[in-house]
């Protein structure tokens, strides 16, 4: 889904755009939490 808009992701997965946005938000929060717990430094 890297080069897709949230609208395209929502259509491809059969969910609303708000659901797609929410899932991405919680995925990022969980990745940050796990990285922090394992002392992994995230860079851009």
PDB file of N, CA and C in Angstrom:
ATOM      1  N   UNK A   1       0.808  -1.202   0.000  1.00  0.00           N
ATOM      2  CA  UNK A   1       0.000   0.000   0.000  1.00  0.00           C
ATOM      3  C   UNK A   1       0.850   1.265   0.000  1.00  0.00           C
ATOM      4  N   UNK A   2       2.129   1.100  -0.165  1.00  0.00           N
ATOM      5  CA  UNK A   2       3.070   2.204  -0.014  1.00  0.00           C
ATOM      6  C   UNK A   2       2.748   3.429  -0.866  1.00  0.00           C
ATOM      7  N   UNK A   3       2.429   3.236  -2.113  1.00  0.00           N
ATOM      8  CA  UNK A   3       2.196   4.368  -3.008  1.00  0.00           C
ATOM      9  C   UNK A   3       0.716   4.654  -3.228  1.00  0.00           C
ATOM     10  N   UNK A   4      -0.121   4.145  -2.348  1.00  0.00           N
ATOM     11  CA  UNK A   4      -1.563   4.326  -2.498  1.00  0.00           C
ATOM     12  C   UNK A   4      -2.062   5.409  -1.552  1.00  0.00           C
ATOM     13  N   UNK A   5      -3.096   6.114  -1.985  1.00  0.00           N
ATOM     14  CA  UNK A   5      -3.749   7.081  -1.098  1.00  0.00           C
ATOM     15  C   UNK A   5      -4.616   6.307  -0.105  1.00  0.00           C
ATOM     16  N   UNK A   6      -5.030   6.978   0.953  1.00  0.00           N
ATOM     17  CA  UNK A   6      -5.910   6.311   1.911  1.00  0.00           C
ATOM     18  C   UNK A   6      -7.245   5.962   1.272  1.00  0.00           C
ATOM     19  N   UNK A   7      -7.682   6.766   0.345  1.00  0.00           N
ATOM     20  CA  UNK A   7      -8.923   6.452  -0.372  1.00  0.00           C
ATOM     21  C   UNK A   7      -8.758   5.149  -1.151  1.00  0.00           C
ATOM     22  N   UNK A   8      -7.625   4.984  -1.831  1.00  0.00           N
ATOM     23  CA  UNK A   8      -7.363   3.760  -2.595  1.00  0.00           C
ATOM     24  C   UNK A   8      -7.231   2.551  -1.675  1.00  0.00           C
ATOM     25  N   UNK A   9      -6.564   2.728  -0.549  1.00  0.00           N
ATOM     26  CA  UNK A   9      -6.416   1.634   0.418  1.00  0.00           C
ATOM     27  C   UNK A   9      -7.783   1.215   0.947  1.00  0.00           C
ATOM     28  N   UNK A  10      -8.613   2.199   1.268  1.00  0.00           N
ATOM     29  CA  UNK A  10      -9.956   1.908   1.776  1.00  0.00           C
ATOM     30  C   UNK A  10     -10.757   1.113   0.754  1.00  0.00           C
ATOM     31  N   UNK A  11     -10.694   1.526  -0.500  1.00  0.00           N
ATOM     32  CA  UNK A  11     -11.428   0.818  -1.551  1.00  0.00           C
ATOM     33  C   UNK A  11     -10.885  -0.597  -1.748  1.00  0.00           C
ATOM     34  N   UNK A  12      -9.563  -0.757  -1.722  1.00  0.00           N
ATOM     35  CA  UNK A  12      -8.942  -2.064  -1.940  1.00  0.00           C
ATOM     36  C   UNK A  12      -9.245  -3.042  -0.811  1.00  0.00           C
ATOM     37  N   UNK A  13      -9.386  -2.518   0.403  1.00  0.00           N
ATOM     38  CA  UNK A  13      -9.625  -3.387   1.560  1.00  0.00           C
ATOM     39  C   UNK A  13     -11.091  -3.472   1.949  1.00  0.00           C
ATOM     40  N   UNK A  14     -11.928  -2.688   1.288  1.00  0.00           N
ATOM     41  CA  UNK A  14     -13.363  -2.755   1.550  1.00  0.00           C
ATOM     42  C   UNK A  14     -13.802  -2.125   2.855  1.00  0.00           C
ATOM     43  N   UNK A  15     -13.053  -1.115   3.314  1.00  0.00           N
ATOM     44  CA  UNK A  15     -13.426  -0.409   4.538  1.00  0.00           C
ATOM     45  C   UNK A  15     -13.578   1.073   4.226  1.00  0.00           C
ATOM     46  N   UNK A  16     -14.107   1.823   5.182  1.00  0.00           N
ATOM     47  CA  UNK A  16     -14.236   3.268   4.977  1.00  0.00           C
ATOM     48  C   UNK A  16     -12.862   3.922   5.096  1.00  0.00           C
ATOM     49  N   UNK A  17     -12.749   5.124   4.561  1.00  0.00           N
ATOM     50  CA  UNK A  17     -11.475   5.844   4.653  1.00  0.00           C
ATOM     51  C   UNK A  17     -11.121   6.117   6.115  1.00  0.00           C
ATOM     52  N   UNK A  18     -12.121   6.396   6.950  1.00  0.00           N
ATOM     53  CA  UNK A  18     -11.851   6.634   8.372  1.00  0.00           C
ATOM     54  C   UNK A  18     -11.311   5.386   9.059  1.00  0.00           C
ATOM     55  N   UNK A  19     -11.806   4.227   8.682  1.00  0.00           N
ATOM     56  CA  UNK A  19     -11.293   2.974   9.243  1.00  0.00           C
ATOM     57  C   UNK A  19      -9.851   2.759   8.803  1.00  0.00           C
ATOM     58  N   UNK A  20      -9.560   2.999   7.534  1.00  0.00           N
ATOM     59  CA  UNK A  20      -8.193   2.851   7.026  1.00  0.00           C
ATOM     60  C   UNK A  20      -7.243   3.798   7.760  1.00  0.00           C
ATOM     61  N   UNK A  21      -7.663   5.040   7.954  1.00  0.00           N
ATOM     62  CA  UNK A  21      -6.839   6.015   8.674  1.00  0.00           C
ATOM     63  C   UNK A  21      -6.623   5.584  10.123  1.00  0.00           C
ATOM     64  N   UNK A  22      -7.674   5.121  10.771  1.00  0.00           N
ATOM     65  CA  UNK A  22      -7.568   4.675  12.157  1.00  0.00           C
ATOM     66  C   UNK A  22      -6.645   3.482  12.309  1.00  0.00           C
ATOM     67  N   UNK A  23      -6.753   2.540  11.403  1.00  0.00           N
ATOM     68  CA  UNK A  23      -5.886   1.356  11.467  1.00  0.00           C
ATOM     69  C   UNK A  23      -4.425   1.734  11.284  1.00  0.00           C
ATOM     70  N   UNK A  24      -4.150   2.670  10.376  1.00  0.00           N
ATOM     71  CA  UNK A  24      -2.771   3.121  10.174  1.00  0.00           C
ATOM     72  C   UNK A  24      -2.260   3.823  11.426  1.00  0.00           C
ATOM     73  N   UNK A  25      -3.095   4.647  12.019  1.00  0.00           N
ATOM     74  CA  UNK A  25      -2.697   5.368  13.230  1.00  0.00           C
ATOM     75  C   UNK A  25      -2.323   4.395  14.342  1.00  0.00           C
ATOM     76  N   UNK A  26      -3.183   3.396  14.575  1.00  0.00           N
ATOM     77  CA  UNK A  26      -2.902   2.438  15.642  1.00  0.00           C
ATOM     78  C   UNK A  26      -1.722   1.535  15.305  1.00  0.00           C
ATOM     79  N   UNK A  27      -1.513   1.233  14.042  1.00  0.00           N
ATOM     80  CA  UNK A  27      -0.346   0.438  13.639  1.00  0.00           C
ATOM     81  C   UNK A  27       0.940   1.202  13.947  1.00  0.00           C
ATOM     82  N   UNK A  28       0.961   2.485  13.616  1.00  0.00           N
ATOM     83  CA  UNK A  28       2.152   3.300  13.880  1.00  0.00           C
ATOM     84  C   UNK A  28       2.392   3.431  15.379  1.00  0.00           C
ATOM     85  N   UNK A  29       1.331   3.677  16.139  1.00  0.00           N
ATOM     86  CA  UNK A  29       1.482   3.772  17.594  1.00  0.00           C
ATOM     87  C   UNK A  29       2.032   2.477  18.178  1.00  0.00           C
ATOM     88  N   UNK A  30       1.539   1.333  17.713  1.00  0.00           N
ATOM     89  CA  UNK A  30       2.020   0.042  18.217  1.00  0.00           C
ATOM     90  C   UNK A  30       3.462  -0.216  17.819  1.00  0.00           C
ATOM     91  N   UNK A  31       3.844   0.158  16.594  1.00  0.00           N
ATOM     92  CA  UNK A  31       5.245  -0.015  16.183  1.00  0.00           C
ATOM     93  C   UNK A  31       6.167   0.847  17.037  1.00  0.00           C
ATOM     94  N   UNK A  32       5.752   2.073  17.321  1.00  0.00           N
ATOM     95  CA  UNK A  32       6.561   2.957  18.175  1.00  0.00           C
ATOM     96  C   UNK A  32       6.692   2.387  19.579  1.00  0.00           C
ATOM     97  N   UNK A  33       5.584   1.855  20.121  1.00  0.00           N
ATOM     98  CA  UNK A  33       5.610   1.275  21.467  1.00  0.00           C
ATOM     99  C   UNK A  33       6.552   0.082  21.523  1.00  0.00           C
ATOM    100  N   UNK A  34       6.449  -0.807  20.549  1.00  0.00           N
ATOM    101  CA  UNK A  34       7.301  -1.999  20.517  1.00  0.00           C
ATOM    102  C   UNK A  34       8.763  -1.604  20.361  1.00  0.00           C
ATOM    103  N   UNK A  35       9.038  -0.639  19.478  1.00  0.00           N
ATOM    104  CA  UNK A  35      10.410  -0.179  19.288  1.00  0.00           C
ATOM    105  C   UNK A  35      10.965   0.399  20.589  1.00  0.00           C
ATOM    106  N   UNK A  36      10.153   1.169  21.282  1.00  0.00           N
ATOM    107  CA  UNK A  36      10.584   1.762  22.545  1.00  0.00           C
ATOM    108  C   UNK A  36      10.868   0.685  23.588  1.00  0.00           C
ATOM    109  N   UNK A  37      10.006  -0.303  23.678  1.00  0.00           N
ATOM    110  CA  UNK A  37      10.192  -1.391  24.645  1.00  0.00           C
ATOM    111  C   UNK A  37      11.458  -2.185  24.368  1.00  0.00           C
ATOM    112  N   UNK A  38      11.838  -2.285  23.106  1.00  0.00           N
ATOM    113  CA  UNK A  38      13.015  -3.062  22.727  1.00  0.00           C
ATOM    114  C   UNK A  38      14.244  -2.179  22.504  1.00  0.00           C
ATOM    115  N   UNK A  39      14.129  -0.908  22.903  1.00  0.00           N
ATOM    116  CA  UNK A  39      15.221   0.061  22.771  1.00  0.00           C
ATOM    117  C   UNK A  39      15.725   0.189  21.339  1.00  0.00           C
ATOM    118  N   UNK A  40      14.804   0.213  20.396  1.00  0.00           N
ATOM    119  CA  UNK A  40      15.135   0.392  18.986  1.00  0.00           C
ATOM    120  C   UNK A  40      14.881   1.850  18.636  1.00  0.00           C
ATOM    121  N   UNK A  41      15.867   2.487  18.009  1.00  0.00           N
ATOM    122  CA  UNK A  41      15.730   3.886  17.617  1.00  0.00           C
ATOM    123  C   UNK A  41      15.210   3.933  16.191  1.00  0.00           C
ATOM    124  N   UNK A  42      14.083   4.622  15.994  1.00  0.00           N
ATOM    125  CA  UNK A  42      13.507   4.770  14.664  1.00  0.00           C
ATOM    126  C   UNK A  42      14.007   6.061  14.042  1.00  0.00           C
ATOM    127  N   UNK A  43      14.422   5.989  12.780  1.00  0.00           N
ATOM    128  CA  UNK A  43      14.870   7.180  12.056  1.00  0.00           C
ATOM    129  C   UNK A  43      14.081   7.306  10.773  1.00  0.00           C
ATOM    130  N   UNK A  44      14.136   8.464  10.179  1.00  0.00           N
ATOM    131  CA  UNK A  44      13.421   8.689   8.920  1.00  0.00           C
ATOM    132  C   UNK A  44      14.282   8.357   7.751  1.00  0.00           C
TER     133      UNK A  44
END
